[in-house]
């Protein structure tokens, strides 16, 4: 995994941790951005993490480009030598798969899809070699996902499945993007799942919808009062399938201010995870449910 450095104009340093998407690359990017933030390098004004890369904005009147490059390369060398461990959160996200709202939307845009006669879930099951939609939902919700990046639109998390590469669900994006996607849709494109934080255009396959708000610019929702964006890079997500009754109940709880996400603070050890992915994922889920 070779890190590439390049400058963007006079005020930006772009760092690409790897060309391929992998948990290892995300972890390295996250470790480096955390270390850069903690180091307090004079002149750094902003750090923007992305998938397997990040960008630093700096003031060239305070620190010269060559000097910030030297500082960041030193941090990379130190990060390689340290144990890959982060303190983070595991969060349960309820999902109403096969909901009527994303179904109505996807049917409006079938001419933009690879399979105009089916649904997004039926297509996703087929291209992943799974027998039916139920098997796909079980695979999608059966293991946790790592938040590798937050952005593109405000508060939208990119989620990478924490399983062996051969087990990862992969589904191409629509042939042409839609002009509409319901707010809080669970989407998927390539190897990434996402949660659409706002209603708008989109090209990811649509699998369901969550009742749990993840972006609140008004900061009226209890768990979003401190910060309008819920997710942070490094968060771990576990999807929980729910039915219409549970979805409606959660919507009522959100409206009444009673809804609180199920989440726990955890320490994630990348080396231990690599040694036994299934066992480590079971341990994470046990921590989420208190056993």
Protein backbone atom coordinates (compact mmCIF):
# COMPACT_ATOMS: atom_id res chain seq x y z
CA UNK A 1 0.00 0.00 0.00
CA UNK A 2 1.90 3.05 -1.31
CA UNK A 3 0.90 6.52 -0.16
CA UNK A 4 0.88 9.24 -2.80
CA UNK A 5 1.20 12.94 -2.00
CA UNK A 6 0.26 15.82 -4.29
CA UNK A 7 -0.41 19.52 -3.89
CA UNK A 8 -3.63 21.24 -4.91
CA UNK A 9 -2.79 24.85 -5.61
CA UNK A 10 -0.97 26.78 -2.87
CA UNK A 11 -3.14 25.74 0.08
CA UNK A 12 -3.95 22.03 -0.16
CA UNK A 13 -2.08 18.76 0.31
CA UNK A 14 -3.84 15.66 -1.05
CA UNK A 15 -2.88 12.29 0.44
CA UNK A 16 -3.98 9.07 -1.29
CA UNK A 17 -3.47 6.06 0.98
CA UNK A 18 -4.25 3.45 -1.68
CA UNK A 19 -5.86 3.16 -5.11
CA UNK A 20 -8.04 0.24 -3.99
CA UNK A 21 -10.89 0.49 -1.51
CA UNK A 22 -10.14 -1.62 1.55
CA UNK A 23 -10.66 -1.51 5.28
CA UNK A 24 -6.88 -1.32 5.67
CA UNK A 25 -6.74 1.81 3.48
CA UNK A 26 -9.65 3.45 5.34
CA UNK A 27 -8.01 2.63 8.65
CA UNK A 28 -4.70 4.16 7.58
CA UNK A 29 -6.45 7.31 6.34
CA UNK A 30 -8.42 7.60 9.58
CA UNK A 31 -5.35 6.98 11.76
CA UNK A 32 -3.35 9.61 9.88
CA UNK A 33 -6.08 12.27 9.98
CA UNK A 34 -6.57 11.68 13.72
CA UNK A 35 -2.81 11.96 14.29
CA UNK A 36 -2.56 15.13 12.20
CA UNK A 37 -5.43 16.67 14.15
CA UNK A 38 -3.82 15.72 17.48
CA UNK A 39 -0.39 16.99 16.46
CA UNK A 40 -1.63 20.57 16.08
CA UNK A 41 0.63 21.45 13.14
CA UNK A 42 0.82 25.24 12.88
CA UNK A 43 -0.94 26.53 9.77
CA UNK A 44 -3.32 23.59 9.25
CA UNK A 45 -6.82 25.05 8.94
CA UNK A 46 -8.89 22.04 7.82
CA UNK A 47 -8.63 18.26 7.45
CA UNK A 48 -11.11 16.55 5.13
CA UNK A 49 -11.10 12.71 5.22
CA UNK A 50 -12.43 10.73 2.25
CA UNK A 51 -12.47 7.11 1.09
CA UNK A 52 -8.85 5.88 1.33
CA UNK A 53 -7.60 9.47 1.03
CA UNK A 54 -7.76 12.87 2.68
CA UNK A 55 -6.99 16.51 1.99
CA UNK A 56 -5.38 19.08 4.25
CA UNK A 57 -5.91 22.80 3.87
CA UNK A 58 -3.07 24.94 5.21
CA UNK A 59 -2.01 28.58 5.33
CA UNK A 60 1.17 28.96 3.21
CA UNK A 61 2.01 32.18 5.10
CA UNK A 62 2.33 30.10 8.27
CA UNK A 63 3.83 26.84 6.96
CA UNK A 64 5.61 26.19 3.67
CA UNK A 65 4.33 23.36 1.41
CA UNK A 66 7.58 21.39 1.73
CA UNK A 67 7.42 21.67 5.52
CA UNK A 68 3.86 20.40 5.82
CA UNK A 69 4.73 17.54 3.47
CA UNK A 70 7.65 16.64 5.75
CA UNK A 71 5.41 16.79 8.87
CA UNK A 72 2.70 14.59 7.36
CA UNK A 73 5.20 12.02 6.05
CA UNK A 74 6.66 11.78 9.56
CA UNK A 75 3.16 11.16 10.93
CA UNK A 76 2.66 8.43 8.33
CA UNK A 77 5.89 6.72 9.44
CA UNK A 78 4.77 6.86 13.07
CA UNK A 79 1.28 5.58 12.20
CA UNK A 80 2.74 2.54 10.44
CA UNK A 81 4.64 1.60 13.60
CA UNK A 82 1.70 1.94 16.01
CA UNK A 83 -0.97 -0.65 16.75
CA UNK A 84 -4.01 -0.09 14.49
CA UNK A 85 -6.60 0.52 17.22
CA UNK A 86 -9.30 3.19 17.39
CA UNK A 87 -11.94 4.15 19.94
CA UNK A 88 -15.27 4.41 18.13
CA UNK A 89 -18.99 3.57 18.32
CA UNK A 90 -21.14 0.72 17.09
CA UNK A 91 -24.64 1.88 16.13
CA UNK A 92 -27.79 -0.06 15.29
CA UNK A 93 -29.71 1.41 12.35
CA UNK A 94 -33.29 0.14 11.92
CA UNK A 95 -34.18 -0.47 8.25
CA UNK A 96 -37.60 -1.07 6.70
CA UNK A 97 -36.51 -3.10 3.67
CA UNK A 98 -38.98 -3.31 0.74
CA UNK A 99 -40.76 -0.19 1.94
CA UNK A 100 -43.46 1.44 -0.23
CA UNK A 101 -41.67 4.80 -0.67
CA UNK A 102 -38.43 3.63 -2.24
CA UNK A 103 -40.45 1.05 -4.19
CA UNK A 104 -42.66 3.77 -5.68
CA UNK A 105 -39.58 5.82 -6.53
CA UNK A 106 -37.59 3.01 -8.14
CA UNK A 107 -40.60 2.02 -10.27
CA UNK A 108 -40.73 5.59 -11.62
CA UNK A 109 -37.16 5.30 -12.85
CA UNK A 110 -37.01 1.78 -14.31
CA UNK A 111 -35.90 3.04 -17.72
CA UNK A 112 -32.66 4.18 -16.06
CA UNK A 113 -31.99 0.77 -14.49
CA UNK A 114 -30.17 -2.36 -15.69
CA UNK A 115 -33.29 -4.46 -14.98
CA UNK A 116 -36.43 -2.50 -15.95
CA UNK A 117 -38.71 -5.44 -15.13
CA UNK A 118 -37.52 -6.09 -11.58
CA UNK A 119 -36.81 -4.17 -8.40
CA UNK A 120 -33.45 -2.96 -7.09
CA UNK A 121 -33.42 -5.68 -4.43
CA UNK A 122 -34.24 -8.42 -6.94
CA UNK A 123 -31.44 -7.22 -9.20
CA UNK A 124 -28.99 -6.96 -6.27
CA UNK A 125 -29.78 -10.52 -5.14
CA UNK A 126 -29.26 -11.86 -8.65
CA UNK A 127 -25.94 -10.15 -9.41
CA UNK A 128 -24.58 -11.34 -6.07
CA UNK A 129 -25.56 -14.94 -6.77
CA UNK A 130 -28.12 -15.08 -3.96
CA UNK A 131 -31.33 -17.11 -4.35
CA UNK A 132 -33.83 -14.38 -3.43
CA UNK A 133 -34.42 -10.99 -1.83
CA UNK A 134 -34.67 -12.47 1.68
CA UNK A 135 -31.18 -13.95 1.31
CA UNK A 136 -29.84 -10.60 0.13
CA UNK A 137 -31.41 -8.75 3.08
CA UNK A 138 -29.90 -11.34 5.43
CA UNK A 139 -26.47 -10.76 3.87
CA UNK A 140 -26.86 -6.96 3.96
CA UNK A 141 -27.97 -6.84 7.60
CA UNK A 142 -25.98 -9.83 8.86
CA UNK A 143 -22.59 -8.18 9.34
CA UNK A 144 -21.44 -4.69 10.39
CA UNK A 145 -20.34 -1.86 8.11
CA UNK A 146 -17.49 0.62 8.60
CA UNK A 147 -18.11 4.33 8.00
CA UNK A 148 -15.19 5.24 5.76
CA UNK A 149 -16.28 8.78 4.89
CA UNK A 150 -19.05 11.30 5.58
CA UNK A 151 -19.95 13.76 2.86
CA UNK A 152 -20.82 14.28 -0.80
CA UNK A 153 -24.06 15.71 0.56
CA UNK A 154 -24.26 16.87 4.17
CA UNK A 155 -24.22 14.02 6.65
CA UNK A 156 -24.25 11.13 4.14
CA UNK A 157 -22.15 8.16 5.35
CA UNK A 158 -20.28 5.82 3.01
CA UNK A 159 -20.34 2.31 4.50
CA UNK A 160 -17.96 -0.54 3.72
CA UNK A 161 -18.93 -4.11 4.65
CA UNK A 162 -16.73 -5.73 7.30
CA UNK A 163 -16.40 -9.18 5.74
CA UNK A 164 -13.90 -11.02 3.53
CA UNK A 165 -13.59 -9.51 0.05
CA UNK A 166 -15.28 -12.50 -1.61
CA UNK A 167 -18.35 -12.07 0.62
CA UNK A 168 -18.79 -8.34 0.03
CA UNK A 169 -22.00 -7.31 -1.66
CA UNK A 170 -21.36 -5.40 -4.88
CA UNK A 171 -24.03 -3.83 -7.06
CA UNK A 172 -23.47 -1.27 -9.85
CA UNK A 173 -25.14 2.11 -9.76
CA UNK A 174 -28.11 2.92 -12.00
CA UNK A 175 -27.27 3.33 -15.69
CA UNK A 176 -28.45 6.96 -15.37
CA UNK A 177 -29.03 8.74 -12.05
CA UNK A 178 -32.54 9.36 -10.73
CA UNK A 179 -33.81 12.86 -10.14
CA UNK A 180 -35.42 11.75 -6.87
CA UNK A 181 -34.50 9.63 -3.86
CA UNK A 182 -36.50 9.60 -0.61
CA UNK A 183 -34.79 11.00 2.47
CA UNK A 184 -33.14 8.29 4.64
CA UNK A 185 -33.03 5.73 1.83
CA UNK A 186 -30.53 2.89 2.30
CA UNK A 187 -28.60 2.92 -0.99
CA UNK A 188 -25.81 0.86 -2.54
CA UNK A 189 -23.34 1.50 -5.35
CA UNK A 190 -20.25 -0.57 -6.12
CA UNK A 191 -18.99 -1.91 -2.79
CA UNK A 192 -20.48 0.94 -0.74
CA UNK A 193 -23.76 1.27 1.08
CA UNK A 194 -24.95 4.70 2.10
CA UNK A 195 -27.83 6.46 3.84
CA UNK A 196 -29.26 9.39 1.90
CA UNK A 197 -29.40 12.15 4.52
CA UNK A 198 -31.72 14.37 2.43
CA UNK A 199 -34.15 13.92 -0.44
CA UNK A 200 -32.61 14.47 -3.85
CA UNK A 201 -31.01 12.99 -6.95
CA UNK A 202 -29.11 9.73 -6.71
CA UNK A 203 -27.77 6.76 -8.61
CA UNK A 204 -27.38 4.10 -5.93
CA UNK A 205 -29.67 1.07 -5.78
CA UNK A 206 -32.46 1.51 -3.20
CA UNK A 207 -33.07 -1.27 -0.66
CA UNK A 208 -35.16 0.33 2.08
CA UNK A 209 -35.54 3.28 4.41
CA UNK A 210 -34.64 4.07 8.02
CA UNK A 211 -36.82 6.07 10.42
CA UNK A 212 -33.69 7.37 12.18
CA UNK A 213 -32.70 10.95 11.25
CA UNK A 214 -28.96 11.35 10.61
CA UNK A 215 -28.84 15.04 9.68
CA UNK A 216 -30.67 17.93 11.35
CA UNK A 217 -29.57 21.45 10.34
CA UNK A 218 -32.05 22.87 12.88
CA UNK A 219 -30.50 20.72 15.66
CA UNK A 220 -33.90 20.06 17.22
CA UNK A 221 -33.55 16.27 17.50
CA UNK A 222 -32.16 15.25 20.88
CA UNK A 223 -29.13 13.25 19.77
CA UNK A 224 -28.29 15.84 17.05
CA UNK A 225 -28.40 18.95 19.28
CA UNK A 226 -24.63 19.04 19.78
CA UNK A 227 -23.83 18.53 16.09
CA UNK A 228 -26.19 18.45 13.11
CA UNK A 229 -24.38 15.50 11.45
CA UNK A 230 -24.72 12.13 13.21
CA UNK A 231 -22.01 9.97 11.65
CA UNK A 232 -18.24 10.20 11.98
CA UNK A 233 -15.57 8.31 10.00
CA UNK A 234 -14.71 5.16 11.94
CA UNK A 235 -18.23 4.53 13.20
CA UNK A 236 -19.45 0.94 12.87
CA UNK A 237 -23.04 0.35 11.71
CA UNK A 238 -25.24 -2.71 12.15
CA UNK A 239 -28.48 -2.68 10.13
CA UNK A 240 -31.56 -4.16 11.83
CA UNK A 241 -34.50 -5.21 9.60
CA UNK A 242 -37.85 -3.92 10.90
CA UNK A 243 -41.44 -4.18 9.68
CA UNK A 244 -43.99 -1.44 8.91
CA UNK A 245 -45.37 -1.41 12.47
CA UNK A 246 -41.92 -0.90 14.00
CA UNK A 247 -41.13 1.74 11.38
CA UNK A 248 -44.31 3.69 12.17
CA UNK A 249 -43.59 3.41 15.89
CA UNK A 250 -40.08 4.77 15.42
CA UNK A 251 -41.40 7.66 13.31
CA UNK A 252 -43.81 8.52 16.15
CA UNK A 253 -40.94 8.34 18.66
CA UNK A 254 -38.83 10.68 16.53
CA UNK A 255 -41.70 13.18 16.29
CA UNK A 256 -42.25 13.04 20.06
CA UNK A 257 -38.55 13.37 20.86
CA UNK A 258 -38.38 9.89 22.38
CA UNK A 259 -36.19 8.17 19.79
CA UNK A 260 -32.61 7.44 20.79
CA UNK A 261 -30.22 5.36 18.68
CA UNK A 262 -28.92 2.14 20.17
CA UNK A 263 -25.15 2.60 20.28
CA UNK A 264 -22.17 1.67 22.40
CA UNK A 265 -18.60 2.92 22.68
CA UNK A 266 -16.13 0.24 21.55
CA UNK A 267 -12.43 -0.18 20.90
CA UNK A 268 -11.78 -1.56 17.43
CA UNK A 269 -8.56 -3.51 16.92
CA UNK A 270 -7.87 -3.97 13.22
CA UNK A 271 -5.34 -6.79 13.70
CA UNK A 272 -7.72 -8.82 15.86
CA UNK A 273 -10.50 -8.23 13.36
CA UNK A 274 -8.34 -9.54 10.49
CA UNK A 275 -7.47 -12.71 12.41
CA UNK A 276 -11.12 -13.72 12.94
CA UNK A 277 -13.63 -11.48 11.16
CA UNK A 278 -16.75 -13.48 12.04
CA UNK A 279 -15.74 -13.88 15.68
CA UNK A 280 -14.80 -10.23 16.03
CA UNK A 281 -18.04 -9.07 14.40
CA UNK A 282 -19.98 -11.27 16.86
CA UNK A 283 -18.06 -9.64 19.70
CA UNK A 284 -18.97 -6.16 18.38
CA UNK A 285 -22.64 -7.11 18.13
CA UNK A 286 -22.48 -8.53 21.65
CA UNK A 287 -21.15 -5.20 22.89
CA UNK A 288 -24.03 -3.41 21.15
CA UNK A 289 -26.61 -5.55 22.94
CA UNK A 290 -24.81 -5.65 26.27
CA UNK A 291 -23.52 -9.22 26.32
